[in-house]
Amino acid sequence: MSILSLPPGIEVFERGWLSANNIFHYGENDVSLVDSGYCAHQAMTMNLTRNALEKHGLTTLNKVVNTHLHSDHCGGNAALKKEFDCQIYIPAAEAEAVRDWNVDLLSYQNLGQDCPQFRFDQLLIPGQRITLGRYVWDILAAPGHDPHSVMLFQEQYGILISADALWEEGFGVVFPEMWGESGFEEVAQTLDLIEDLPISLVIPGHGKPFIDVATALATARTRLDYLASDPDRNARHGAKVLLKYKLLDWRNKELALVNQWISETPALNSAAKQLNMSMDEFSAWLTQALVKSGAATIEDNCLVDKA
């Protein structure tokens, strides 16, 4: 199967950061969207969904399925629910957190990000199956990047919706390790699971779909070995990713406000402790690290995003 030969009834909305990719599934009895993007991009998510419905002569969206509950994957849930009264499916392990909207269990406050509150209707339970559009998909546990993440596998066509467990050139930040929980071993186990599947095509959470699974797995394992051999590397990498992500949303921000956001973001406080830095030292290092990498500039006492 080539990237251009997705079976009928499946379309990929490849999104740029800040949003995860959306996968649109349509059939006679079901229309579903996997992942809903970041809240700042929810108007685009709505337009992409409406356009796809119109193109195929459809009138509504039946369900939204979240591979995990990071803000770039579920930020459009509330808007889609309001527009279509669709069912929201989330990983089963997140049920209590979403039911109570518990900020200590959900990731948004911890990572310094935003997500409009939403309610769920159904749960994704690893080992069970779900119908998306015309096809039945296996629900697979995929801890590592997020302890509760799932992947979706369509056996007939060998399609894996991998979310952030596997990209063409790596995987998502191993966030649990940033606050002292296990994550590296779980990433390794998820990569082993992927290797054992008869995959023809991977639809990742970010980037274009790809077919060279063996090379992607080799790249991911090399990356994992590099990070796991020195956990400080993961802390530094994760911190830079979080600030860059926020800067993509801001576009530019006064340095004083950037430093305030860093000091108020729990995951970054954890990273600073892991790196044995004071928050002032850490904030100065983090902004300069983004500048040094070419991801930002400092202009007129503001941190400015740089593509």
C-alpha atoms as a PDB file:
ATOM      1  CA  MET A   1       0.000   0.000   0.000  1.00  0.00           C
ATOM      2  CA  SER A   2       1.321   3.435  -0.887  1.00  0.00           C
ATOM      3  CA  ILE A   3       0.607   6.631   0.994  1.00  0.00           C
ATOM      4  CA  LEU A   4      -1.741   7.638  -1.814  1.00  0.00           C
ATOM      5  CA  SER A   5      -3.786   4.423  -1.635  1.00  0.00           C
ATOM      6  CA  LEU A   6      -5.656   4.714   1.620  1.00  0.00           C
ATOM      7  CA  PRO A   7      -8.753   2.530   1.420  1.00  0.00           C
ATOM      8  CA  PRO A   8     -12.024   4.300   0.698  1.00  0.00           C
ATOM      9  CA  GLY A   9     -13.558   6.004   3.684  1.00  0.00           C
ATOM     10  CA  ILE A  10     -10.378   7.320   5.310  1.00  0.00           C
ATOM     11  CA  GLU A  11      -8.847  10.783   4.895  1.00  0.00           C
ATOM     12  CA  VAL A  12      -5.939  12.335   6.775  1.00  0.00           C
ATOM     13  CA  PHE A  13      -5.956  16.036   7.631  1.00  0.00           C
ATOM     14  CA  GLU A  14      -2.219  16.589   8.049  1.00  0.00           C
ATOM     15  CA  ARG A  15      -1.898  19.502  10.443  1.00  0.00           C
ATOM     16  CA  GLY A  16       0.989  21.741  11.312  1.00  0.00           C
ATOM     17  CA  TRP A  17       1.929  22.480  14.890  1.00  0.00           C
ATOM     18  CA  LEU A  18       0.126  23.328  17.197  1.00  0.00           C
ATOM     19  CA  SER A  19      -2.417  20.679  16.209  1.00  0.00           C
ATOM     20  CA  ALA A  20      -2.139  16.929  15.861  1.00  0.00           C
ATOM     21  CA  ASN A  21      -3.245  15.291  12.632  1.00  0.00           C
ATOM     22  CA  ASN A  22      -6.957  14.507  12.318  1.00  0.00           C
ATOM     23  CA  ILE A  23      -8.132  11.289  10.659  1.00  0.00           C
ATOM     24  CA  PHE A  24     -11.607  11.465   9.099  1.00  0.00           C
ATOM     25  CA  HIS A  25     -13.507   8.176   8.741  1.00  0.00           C
ATOM     26  CA  TYR A  26     -16.762   7.980   6.838  1.00  0.00           C
ATOM     27  CA  GLY A  27     -19.156   5.180   5.974  1.00  0.00           C
ATOM     28  CA  GLU A  28     -22.833   4.540   5.507  1.00  0.00           C
ATOM     29  CA  ASN A  29     -23.539   4.188   9.227  1.00  0.00           C
ATOM     30  CA  ASP A  30     -20.733   6.072  10.936  1.00  0.00           C
ATOM     31  CA  VAL A  31     -18.677   9.229  10.550  1.00  0.00           C
ATOM     32  CA  SER A  32     -15.797   9.653  12.998  1.00  0.00           C
ATOM     33  CA  LEU A  33     -12.829  11.937  13.584  1.00  0.00           C
ATOM     34  CA  VAL A  34      -9.710  10.734  15.378  1.00  0.00           C
ATOM     35  CA  ASP A  35      -8.149  13.585  17.390  1.00  0.00           C
ATOM     36  CA  SER A  36      -9.381  17.165  17.242  1.00  0.00           C
ATOM     37  CA  GLY A  37      -6.357  19.467  17.285  1.00  0.00           C
ATOM     38  CA  TYR A  38      -5.425  22.385  19.549  1.00  0.00           C
ATOM     39  CA  CYS A  39      -8.034  24.854  20.816  1.00  0.00           C
ATOM     40  CA  ALA A  40      -6.377  27.838  19.115  1.00  0.00           C
ATOM     41  CA  HIS A  41      -6.906  26.010  15.795  1.00  0.00           C
ATOM     42  CA  GLN A  42     -10.443  24.807  16.459  1.00  0.00           C
ATOM     43  CA  ALA A  43     -11.911  27.002  13.702  1.00  0.00           C
ATOM     44  CA  MET A  44      -9.696  25.209  11.192  1.00  0.00           C
ATOM     45  CA  THR A  45     -10.664  21.830  12.648  1.00  0.00           C
ATOM     46  CA  MET A  46     -14.327  22.760  12.239  1.00  0.00           C
ATOM     47  CA  ASN A  47     -13.790  23.921   8.657  1.00  0.00           C
ATOM     48  CA  LEU A  48     -11.862  20.781   7.707  1.00  0.00           C
ATOM     49  CA  THR A  49     -14.624  18.629   9.174  1.00  0.00           C
ATOM     50  CA  ARG A  50     -17.457  20.575   7.553  1.00  0.00           C
ATOM     51  CA  ASN A  51     -15.715  20.521   4.179  1.00  0.00           C
ATOM     52  CA  ALA A  52     -15.156  16.761   4.378  1.00  0.00           C
ATOM     53  CA  LEU A  53     -18.787  16.181   5.304  1.00  0.00           C
ATOM     54  CA  GLU A  54     -19.998  18.355   2.430  1.00  0.00           C
ATOM     55  CA  LYS A  55     -17.639  16.711  -0.061  1.00  0.00           C
ATOM     56  CA  HIS A  56     -19.045  13.286   0.721  1.00  0.00           C
ATOM     57  CA  GLY A  57     -22.676  14.342   1.016  1.00  0.00           C
ATOM     58  CA  LEU A  58     -22.771  13.764   4.755  1.00  0.00           C
ATOM     59  CA  THR A  59     -24.674  15.771   7.327  1.00  0.00           C
ATOM     60  CA  THR A  60     -23.117  15.082  10.706  1.00  0.00           C
ATOM     61  CA  LEU A  61     -20.222  13.722  12.713  1.00  0.00           C
ATOM     62  CA  ASN A  62     -21.094  10.776  14.950  1.00  0.00           C
ATOM     63  CA  LYS A  63     -18.036  10.596  17.155  1.00  0.00           C
ATOM     64  CA  VAL A  64     -14.689  12.072  18.070  1.00  0.00           C
ATOM     65  CA  VAL A  65     -12.029   9.624  19.247  1.00  0.00           C
ATOM     66  CA  ASN A  66      -9.008  10.854  21.234  1.00  0.00           C
ATOM     67  CA  THR A  67      -5.853   8.743  21.134  1.00  0.00           C
ATOM     68  CA  HIS A  68      -4.770  10.602  24.281  1.00  0.00           C
ATOM     69  CA  LEU A  69      -5.659  13.796  26.070  1.00  0.00           C
ATOM     70  CA  HIS A  70      -2.758  16.124  25.384  1.00  0.00           C
ATOM     71  CA  SER A  71      -4.062  19.511  24.330  1.00  0.00           C
ATOM     72  CA  ASP A  72      -3.018  19.197  20.681  1.00  0.00           C
ATOM     73  CA  HIS A  73      -5.150  16.063  20.301  1.00  0.00           C
ATOM     74  CA  CYS A  74      -8.369  17.047  22.066  1.00  0.00           C
ATOM     75  CA  GLY A  75      -8.550  20.853  22.019  1.00  0.00           C
ATOM     76  CA  GLY A  76     -11.372  20.805  19.467  1.00  0.00           C
ATOM     77  CA  ASN A  77     -13.575  18.372  21.398  1.00  0.00           C
ATOM     78  CA  ALA A  78     -15.832  20.981  22.994  1.00  0.00           C
ATOM     79  CA  ALA A  79     -16.434  22.842  19.717  1.00  0.00           C
ATOM     80  CA  LEU A  80     -17.168  19.649  17.769  1.00  0.00           C
ATOM     81  CA  LYS A  81     -19.532  18.443  20.494  1.00  0.00           C
ATOM     82  CA  LYS A  82     -21.395  21.751  20.424  1.00  0.00           C
ATOM     83  CA  GLU A  83     -21.684  21.751  16.613  1.00  0.00           C
ATOM     84  CA  PHE A  84     -22.555  18.104  15.969  1.00  0.00           C
ATOM     85  CA  ASP A  85     -23.632  16.680  19.344  1.00  0.00           C
ATOM     86  CA  CYS A  86     -21.179  13.874  18.590  1.00  0.00           C
ATOM     87  CA  GLN A  87     -20.067  11.235  21.062  1.00  0.00           C
ATOM     88  CA  ILE A  88     -16.639  11.788  22.618  1.00  0.00           C
ATOM     89  CA  TYR A  89     -14.432   8.717  23.167  1.00  0.00           C
ATOM     90  CA  ILE A  90     -11.413   8.924  25.486  1.00  0.00           C
ATOM     91  CA  PRO A  91      -8.904   6.385  26.861  1.00  0.00           C
ATOM     92  CA  ALA A  92     -10.535   4.525  29.740  1.00  0.00           C
ATOM     93  CA  ALA A  93      -7.798   5.443  32.221  1.00  0.00           C
ATOM     94  CA  GLU A  94      -8.687   9.140  31.856  1.00  0.00           C
ATOM     95  CA  ALA A  95     -12.373   8.723  32.785  1.00  0.00           C
ATOM     96  CA  GLU A  96     -12.138   9.938  36.375  1.00  0.00           C
ATOM     97  CA  ALA A  97      -9.918  12.897  35.485  1.00  0.00           C
ATOM     98  CA  VAL A  98     -12.278  14.122  32.763  1.00  0.00           C
ATOM     99  CA  ARG A  99     -15.442  13.395  34.744  1.00  0.00           C
ATOM    100  CA  ASP A 100     -14.190  15.596  37.586  1.00  0.00           C
ATOM    101  CA  TRP A 101     -12.089  17.858  35.334  1.00  0.00           C
ATOM    102  CA  ASN A 102      -9.284  17.265  37.800  1.00  0.00           C
ATOM    103  CA  VAL A 103      -6.418  19.620  36.907  1.00  0.00           C
ATOM    104  CA  ASP A 104      -4.039  17.573  39.042  1.00  0.00           C
ATOM    105  CA  LEU A 105      -4.657  14.496  36.887  1.00  0.00           C
ATOM    106  CA  LEU A 106      -5.098  16.148  33.501  1.00  0.00           C
ATOM    107  CA  SER A 107      -2.003  17.424  31.687  1.00  0.00           C
ATOM    108  CA  TYR A 108      -2.994  20.973  30.738  1.00  0.00           C
ATOM    109  CA  GLN A 109      -2.004  22.895  33.859  1.00  0.00           C
ATOM    110  CA  ASN A 110       1.062  20.695  34.342  1.00  0.00           C
ATOM    111  CA  LEU A 111       2.319  21.448  30.820  1.00  0.00           C
ATOM    112  CA  GLY A 112       1.246  25.093  30.771  1.00  0.00           C
ATOM    113  CA  GLN A 113      -1.278  24.618  27.977  1.00  0.00           C
ATOM    114  CA  ASP A 114      -4.982  25.256  27.371  1.00  0.00           C
ATOM    115  CA  CYS A 115      -7.902  22.970  26.629  1.00  0.00           C
ATOM    116  CA  PRO A 116     -11.600  23.888  26.847  1.00  0.00           C
ATOM    117  CA  GLN A 117     -13.432  21.601  29.257  1.00  0.00           C
ATOM    118  CA  PHE A 118     -15.349  18.753  27.643  1.00  0.00           C
ATOM    119  CA  ARG A 119     -17.314  15.692  28.734  1.00  0.00           C
ATOM    120  CA  PHE A 120     -16.883  12.163  27.462  1.00  0.00           C
ATOM    121  CA  ASP A 121     -19.545   9.673  26.350  1.00  0.00           C
ATOM    122  CA  GLN A 122     -17.638   6.441  25.753  1.00  0.00           C
ATOM    123  CA  LEU A 123     -14.325   4.842  26.707  1.00  0.00           C
ATOM    124  CA  LEU A 124     -11.540   3.319  24.638  1.00  0.00           C
ATOM    125  CA  ILE A 125     -10.491   0.070  26.297  1.00  0.00           C
ATOM    126  CA  PRO A 126      -7.288  -1.634  25.095  1.00  0.00           C
ATOM    127  CA  GLY A 127      -8.033  -5.127  23.822  1.00  0.00           C
ATOM    128  CA  GLN A 128     -11.442  -4.121  22.530  1.00  0.00           C
ATOM    129  CA  ARG A 129     -12.455  -2.886  19.081  1.00  0.00           C
ATOM    130  CA  ILE A 130     -14.164   0.185  17.684  1.00  0.00           C
ATOM    131  CA  THR A 131     -15.893   0.912  14.391  1.00  0.00           C
ATOM    132  CA  LEU A 132     -14.647   4.014  12.617  1.00  0.00           C
ATOM    133  CA  GLY A 133     -16.434   4.747   9.370  1.00  0.00           C
ATOM    134  CA  ARG A 134     -16.399   1.536   7.322  1.00  0.00           C
ATOM    135  CA  TYR A 135     -13.837  -0.475   9.273  1.00  0.00           C
ATOM    136  CA  VAL A 136     -13.235  -2.119  12.614  1.00  0.00           C
ATOM    137  CA  TRP A 137     -10.077  -1.104  14.492  1.00  0.00           C
ATOM    138  CA  ASP A 138      -8.238  -2.741  17.375  1.00  0.00           C
ATOM    139  CA  ILE A 139      -7.586  -0.517  20.392  1.00  0.00           C
ATOM    140  CA  LEU A 140      -3.986  -0.932  21.606  1.00  0.00           C
ATOM    141  CA  ALA A 141      -2.370   0.459  24.747  1.00  0.00           C
ATOM    142  CA  ALA A 142       0.606   2.700  23.889  1.00  0.00           C
ATOM    143  CA  PRO A 143       2.147   4.096  27.094  1.00  0.00           C
ATOM    144  CA  GLY A 144       5.383   6.080  27.098  1.00  0.00           C
ATOM    145  CA  HIS A 145       4.816   9.562  25.731  1.00  0.00           C
ATOM    146  CA  ASP A 146       1.603   9.558  27.741  1.00  0.00           C
ATOM    147  CA  PRO A 147       0.816   6.726  30.147  1.00  0.00           C
ATOM    148  CA  HIS A 148      -2.803   6.433  28.972  1.00  0.00           C
ATOM    149  CA  SER A 149      -2.342   6.791  25.201  1.00  0.00           C
ATOM    150  CA  VAL A 150      -3.828   4.307  22.759  1.00  0.00           C
ATOM    151  CA  MET A 151      -3.166   3.431  19.140  1.00  0.00           C
ATOM    152  CA  LEU A 152      -5.672   2.113  16.596  1.00  0.00           C
ATOM    153  CA  PHE A 153      -4.897  -0.744  14.199  1.00  0.00           C
ATOM    154  CA  GLN A 154      -6.898  -1.823  11.148  1.00  0.00           C
ATOM    155  CA  GLU A 155      -5.779  -5.385  10.454  1.00  0.00           C
ATOM    156  CA  GLN A 156      -7.327  -5.863   7.002  1.00  0.00           C
ATOM    157  CA  TYR A 157      -5.313  -3.019   5.485  1.00  0.00           C
ATOM    158  CA  GLY A 158      -2.443  -2.981   7.964  1.00  0.00           C
ATOM    159  CA  ILE A 159      -2.998   0.639   8.972  1.00  0.00           C
ATOM    160  CA  LEU A 160      -1.729   1.911  12.325  1.00  0.00           C
ATOM    161  CA  ILE A 161      -2.883   5.212  13.786  1.00  0.00           C
ATOM    162  CA  SER A 162       0.141   5.631  16.033  1.00  0.00           C
ATOM    163  CA  ALA A 163      -0.571   9.039  17.625  1.00  0.00           C
ATOM    164  CA  ASP A 164       2.690  10.146  19.278  1.00  0.00           C
ATOM    165  CA  ALA A 165       4.019   6.633  19.971  1.00  0.00           C
ATOM    166  CA  LEU A 166       5.826   6.557  16.616  1.00  0.00           C
ATOM    167  CA  TRP A 167       6.608   9.269  14.102  1.00  0.00           C
ATOM    168  CA  GLU A 168       8.646   8.894  10.949  1.00  0.00           C
ATOM    169  CA  GLU A 169      11.628  10.361  12.818  1.00  0.00           C
ATOM    170  CA  GLY A 170      11.029   9.602  16.470  1.00  0.00           C
ATOM    171  CA  PHE A 171       8.186   9.929  18.966  1.00  0.00           C
ATOM    172  CA  GLY A 172       6.650  12.441  21.351  1.00  0.00           C
ATOM    173  CA  VAL A 173       8.436  13.752  24.441  1.00  0.00           C
ATOM    174  CA  VAL A 174       8.579  11.147  27.208  1.00  0.00           C
ATOM    175  CA  PHE A 175       6.757  13.424  29.633  1.00  0.00           C
ATOM    176  CA  PRO A 176       6.421  11.040  32.621  1.00  0.00           C
ATOM    177  CA  GLU A 177      10.209  10.944  33.026  1.00  0.00           C
ATOM    178  CA  MET A 178      10.212  14.735  33.466  1.00  0.00           C
ATOM    179  CA  TRP A 179       8.426  14.415  36.813  1.00  0.00           C
ATOM    180  CA  GLY A 180      10.050  11.238  38.046  1.00  0.00           C
ATOM    181  CA  GLU A 181       7.689   8.579  36.717  1.00  0.00           C
ATOM    182  CA  SER A 182       8.557   5.665  34.442  1.00  0.00           C
ATOM    183  CA  GLY A 183       8.375   6.310  30.706  1.00  0.00           C
ATOM    184  CA  PHE A 184      11.444   5.041  28.845  1.00  0.00           C
ATOM    185  CA  GLU A 185      10.646   1.375  29.463  1.00  0.00           C
ATOM    186  CA  GLU A 186       7.070   1.926  28.331  1.00  0.00           C
ATOM    187  CA  VAL A 187       8.242   3.578  25.097  1.00  0.00           C
ATOM    188  CA  ALA A 188      10.426   0.525  24.414  1.00  0.00           C
ATOM    189  CA  GLN A 189       7.503  -1.834  25.034  1.00  0.00           C
ATOM    190  CA  THR A 190       5.240   0.149  22.722  1.00  0.00           C
ATOM    191  CA  LEU A 191       7.873   0.104  19.970  1.00  0.00           C
ATOM    192  CA  ASP A 192       8.143  -3.678  20.388  1.00  0.00           C
ATOM    193  CA  LEU A 193       4.368  -3.959  20.043  1.00  0.00           C
ATOM    194  CA  ILE A 194       4.437  -1.918  16.845  1.00  0.00           C
ATOM    195  CA  GLU A 195       7.226  -4.084  15.433  1.00  0.00           C
ATOM    196  CA  ASP A 196       5.096  -7.209  15.919  1.00  0.00           C
ATOM    197  CA  LEU A 197       2.149  -5.817  13.949  1.00  0.00           C
ATOM    198  CA  PRO A 198       1.732  -6.497  10.193  1.00  0.00           C
ATOM    199  CA  ILE A 199       1.798  -2.803   9.291  1.00  0.00           C
ATOM    200  CA  SER A 200       1.587  -1.437   5.751  1.00  0.00           C
ATOM    201  CA  LEU A 201       1.031   2.225   6.616  1.00  0.00           C
ATOM    202  CA  VAL A 202       1.461   4.392   9.708  1.00  0.00           C
ATOM    203  CA  ILE A 203      -0.634   7.510  10.249  1.00  0.00           C
ATOM    204  CA  PRO A 204       1.279   9.407  12.964  1.00  0.00           C
ATOM    205  CA  GLY A 205       0.055  12.134  15.258  1.00  0.00           C
ATOM    206  CA  HIS A 206       2.362  14.624  13.538  1.00  0.00           C
ATOM    207  CA  GLY A 207       3.877  14.566  10.070  1.00  0.00           C
ATOM    208  CA  LYS A 208       2.898  12.745   6.921  1.00  0.00           C
ATOM    209  CA  PRO A 209       1.821   9.095   6.783  1.00  0.00           C
ATOM    210  CA  PHE A 210       4.676   6.715   6.000  1.00  0.00           C
ATOM    211  CA  ILE A 211       5.307   3.126   4.965  1.00  0.00           C
ATOM    212  CA  ASP A 212       8.923   2.469   6.000  1.00  0.00           C
ATOM    213  CA  VAL A 213       8.115   1.188   9.468  1.00  0.00           C
ATOM    214  CA  ALA A 214      11.447  -0.581  10.007  1.00  0.00           C
ATOM    215  CA  THR A 215      13.461   2.606   9.495  1.00  0.00           C
ATOM    216  CA  ALA A 216      11.111   4.603  11.711  1.00  0.00           C
ATOM    217  CA  LEU A 217      11.437   2.022  14.488  1.00  0.00           C
ATOM    218  CA  ALA A 218      15.229   2.001  14.188  1.00  0.00           C
ATOM    219  CA  THR A 219      15.287   5.800  14.390  1.00  0.00           C
ATOM    220  CA  ALA A 220      12.958   5.755  17.393  1.00  0.00           C
ATOM    221  CA  ARG A 221      15.055   3.185  19.245  1.00  0.00           C
ATOM    222  CA  THR A 222      18.237   5.158  18.619  1.00  0.00           C
ATOM    223  CA  ARG A 223      16.493   8.248  19.966  1.00  0.00           C
ATOM    224  CA  LEU A 224      15.224   6.352  22.986  1.00  0.00           C
ATOM    225  CA  ASP A 225      18.687   4.996  23.797  1.00  0.00           C
ATOM    226  CA  TYR A 226      20.104   8.520  23.588  1.00  0.00           C
ATOM    227  CA  LEU A 227      17.503   9.950  25.970  1.00  0.00           C
ATOM    228  CA  ALA A 228      17.412   7.051  28.420  1.00  0.00           C
ATOM    229  CA  SER A 229      21.199   6.945  28.789  1.00  0.00           C
ATOM    230  CA  ASP A 230      21.080  10.390  30.434  1.00  0.00           C
ATOM    231  CA  PRO A 231      17.670  11.442  31.805  1.00  0.00           C
ATOM    232  CA  ASP A 232      18.829  15.082  31.921  1.00  0.00           C
ATOM    233  CA  ARG A 233      18.721  15.013  28.122  1.00  0.00           C
ATOM    234  CA  ASN A 234      15.034  14.177  28.210  1.00  0.00           C
ATOM    235  CA  ALA A 235      14.392  16.968  30.732  1.00  0.00           C
ATOM    236  CA  ARG A 236      16.202  19.501  28.561  1.00  0.00           C
ATOM    237  CA  HIS A 237      14.509  18.287  25.387  1.00  0.00           C
ATOM    238  CA  GLY A 238      11.066  18.275  26.976  1.00  0.00           C
ATOM    239  CA  ALA A 239      11.531  21.762  28.399  1.00  0.00           C
ATOM    240  CA  LYS A 240      12.559  23.164  25.017  1.00  0.00           C
ATOM    241  CA  VAL A 241       9.597  21.475  23.320  1.00  0.00           C
ATOM    242  CA  LEU A 242       7.152  22.927  25.858  1.00  0.00           C
ATOM    243  CA  LEU A 243       8.462  26.467  25.473  1.00  0.00           C
ATOM    244  CA  LYS A 244       8.606  26.238  21.678  1.00  0.00           C
ATOM    245  CA  TYR A 245       5.040  24.928  21.616  1.00  0.00           C
ATOM    246  CA  LYS A 246       3.844  27.811  23.765  1.00  0.00           C
ATOM    247  CA  LEU A 247       5.779  30.292  21.642  1.00  0.00           C
ATOM    248  CA  LEU A 248       4.086  28.974  18.506  1.00  0.00           C
ATOM    249  CA  ASP A 249       0.814  29.952  20.176  1.00  0.00           C
ATOM    250  CA  TRP A 250       2.079  33.319  21.424  1.00  0.00           C
ATOM    251  CA  ARG A 251       4.204  34.166  18.334  1.00  0.00           C
ATOM    252  CA  ASN A 252       6.030  36.665  20.551  1.00  0.00           C
ATOM    253  CA  LYS A 253       5.989  37.472  24.240  1.00  0.00           C
ATOM    254  CA  GLU A 254       7.757  39.836  26.612  1.00  0.00           C
ATOM    255  CA  LEU A 255      10.621  38.050  28.358  1.00  0.00           C
ATOM    256  CA  ALA A 256       9.238  38.905  31.782  1.00  0.00           C
ATOM    257  CA  LEU A 257       5.967  37.161  30.899  1.00  0.00           C
ATOM    258  CA  VAL A 258       7.835  34.213  29.377  1.00  0.00           C
ATOM    259  CA  ASN A 259       9.780  33.806  32.608  1.00  0.00           C
ATOM    260  CA  GLN A 260       6.569  34.078  34.611  1.00  0.00           C
ATOM    261  CA  TRP A 261       4.976  31.302  32.518  1.00  0.00           C
ATOM    262  CA  ILE A 262       8.059  29.098  32.972  1.00  0.00           C
ATOM    263  CA  SER A 263       7.993  29.593  36.749  1.00  0.00           C
ATOM    264  CA  GLU A 264       4.256  28.792  36.910  1.00  0.00           C
ATOM    265  CA  THR A 265       4.413  25.622  34.789  1.00  0.00           C
ATOM    266  CA  PRO A 266       4.756  22.541  37.035  1.00  0.00           C
ATOM    267  CA  ALA A 267       6.463  20.324  34.438  1.00  0.00           C
ATOM    268  CA  LEU A 268       9.155  22.954  33.965  1.00  0.00           C
ATOM    269  CA  ASN A 269       9.614  23.278  37.711  1.00  0.00           C
ATOM    270  CA  SER A 270      10.184  19.515  37.776  1.00  0.00           C
ATOM    271  CA  ALA A 271      12.708  19.792  34.948  1.00  0.00           C
ATOM    272  CA  ALA A 272      14.574  22.561  36.773  1.00  0.00           C
ATOM    273  CA  LYS A 273      14.819  20.413  39.901  1.00  0.00           C
ATOM    274  CA  GLN A 274      16.035  17.443  37.881  1.00  0.00           C
ATOM    275  CA  LEU A 275      18.726  19.647  36.327  1.00  0.00           C
ATOM    276  CA  ASN A 276      19.679  21.117  39.715  1.00  0.00           C
ATOM    277  CA  MET A 277      18.945  24.677  38.598  1.00  0.00           C
ATOM    278  CA  SER A 278      17.159  27.492  40.360  1.00  0.00           C
ATOM    279  CA  MET A 279      14.128  28.770  38.464  1.00  0.00           C
ATOM    280  CA  ASP A 280      15.988  31.945  37.515  1.00  0.00           C
ATOM    281  CA  GLU A 281      18.918  29.923  36.163  1.00  0.00           C
ATOM    282  CA  PHE A 282      16.559  27.537  34.411  1.00  0.00           C
ATOM    283  CA  SER A 283      14.479  30.303  32.792  1.00  0.00           C
ATOM    284  CA  ALA A 284      17.609  32.027  31.480  1.00  0.00           C
ATOM    285  CA  TRP A 285      18.988  28.742  30.163  1.00  0.00           C
ATOM    286  CA  LEU A 286      15.696  27.720  28.526  1.00  0.00           C
ATOM    287  CA  THR A 287      15.106  30.934  26.593  1.00  0.00           C
ATOM    288  CA  GLN A 288      18.737  30.997  25.436  1.00  0.00           C
ATOM    289  CA  ALA A 289      18.549  27.318  24.448  1.00  0.00           C
ATOM    290  CA  LEU A 290      15.658  28.117  22.112  1.00  0.00           C
ATOM    291  CA  VAL A 291      17.609  31.017  20.620  1.00  0.00           C
ATOM    292  CA  LYS A 292      20.765  28.922  20.248  1.00  0.00           C
ATOM    293  CA  SER A 293      18.843  26.194  18.423  1.00  0.00           C
ATOM    294  CA  GLY A 294      17.428  28.720  15.941  1.00  0.00           C
ATOM    295  CA  ALA A 295      13.856  28.220  17.158  1.00  0.00           C
ATOM    296  CA  ALA A 296      13.497  31.768  18.514  1.00  0.00           C
ATOM    297  CA  THR A 297      15.098  35.196  18.637  1.00  0.00           C
ATOM    298  CA  ILE A 298      15.128  37.950  21.249  1.00  0.00           C
ATOM    299  CA  GLU A 299      13.982  41.310  19.909  1.00  0.00           C
ATOM    300  CA  ASP A 300      13.125  44.397  21.951  1.00  0.00           C
ATOM    301  CA  ASN A 301      13.118  42.351  25.145  1.00  0.00           C
ATOM    302  CA  CYS A 302      10.640  39.892  23.651  1.00  0.00           C
ATOM    303  CA  LEU A 303      11.023  36.218  22.786  1.00  0.00           C
ATOM    304  CA  VAL A 304       9.965  35.854  19.139  1.00  0.00           C
ATOM    305  CA  ASP A 305       9.088  32.631  17.362  1.00  0.00           C
ATOM    306  CA  LYS A 306      11.297  31.682  14.445  1.00  0.00           C
ATOM    307  CA  ALA A 307      10.262  29.018  11.958  1.00  0.00           C
END
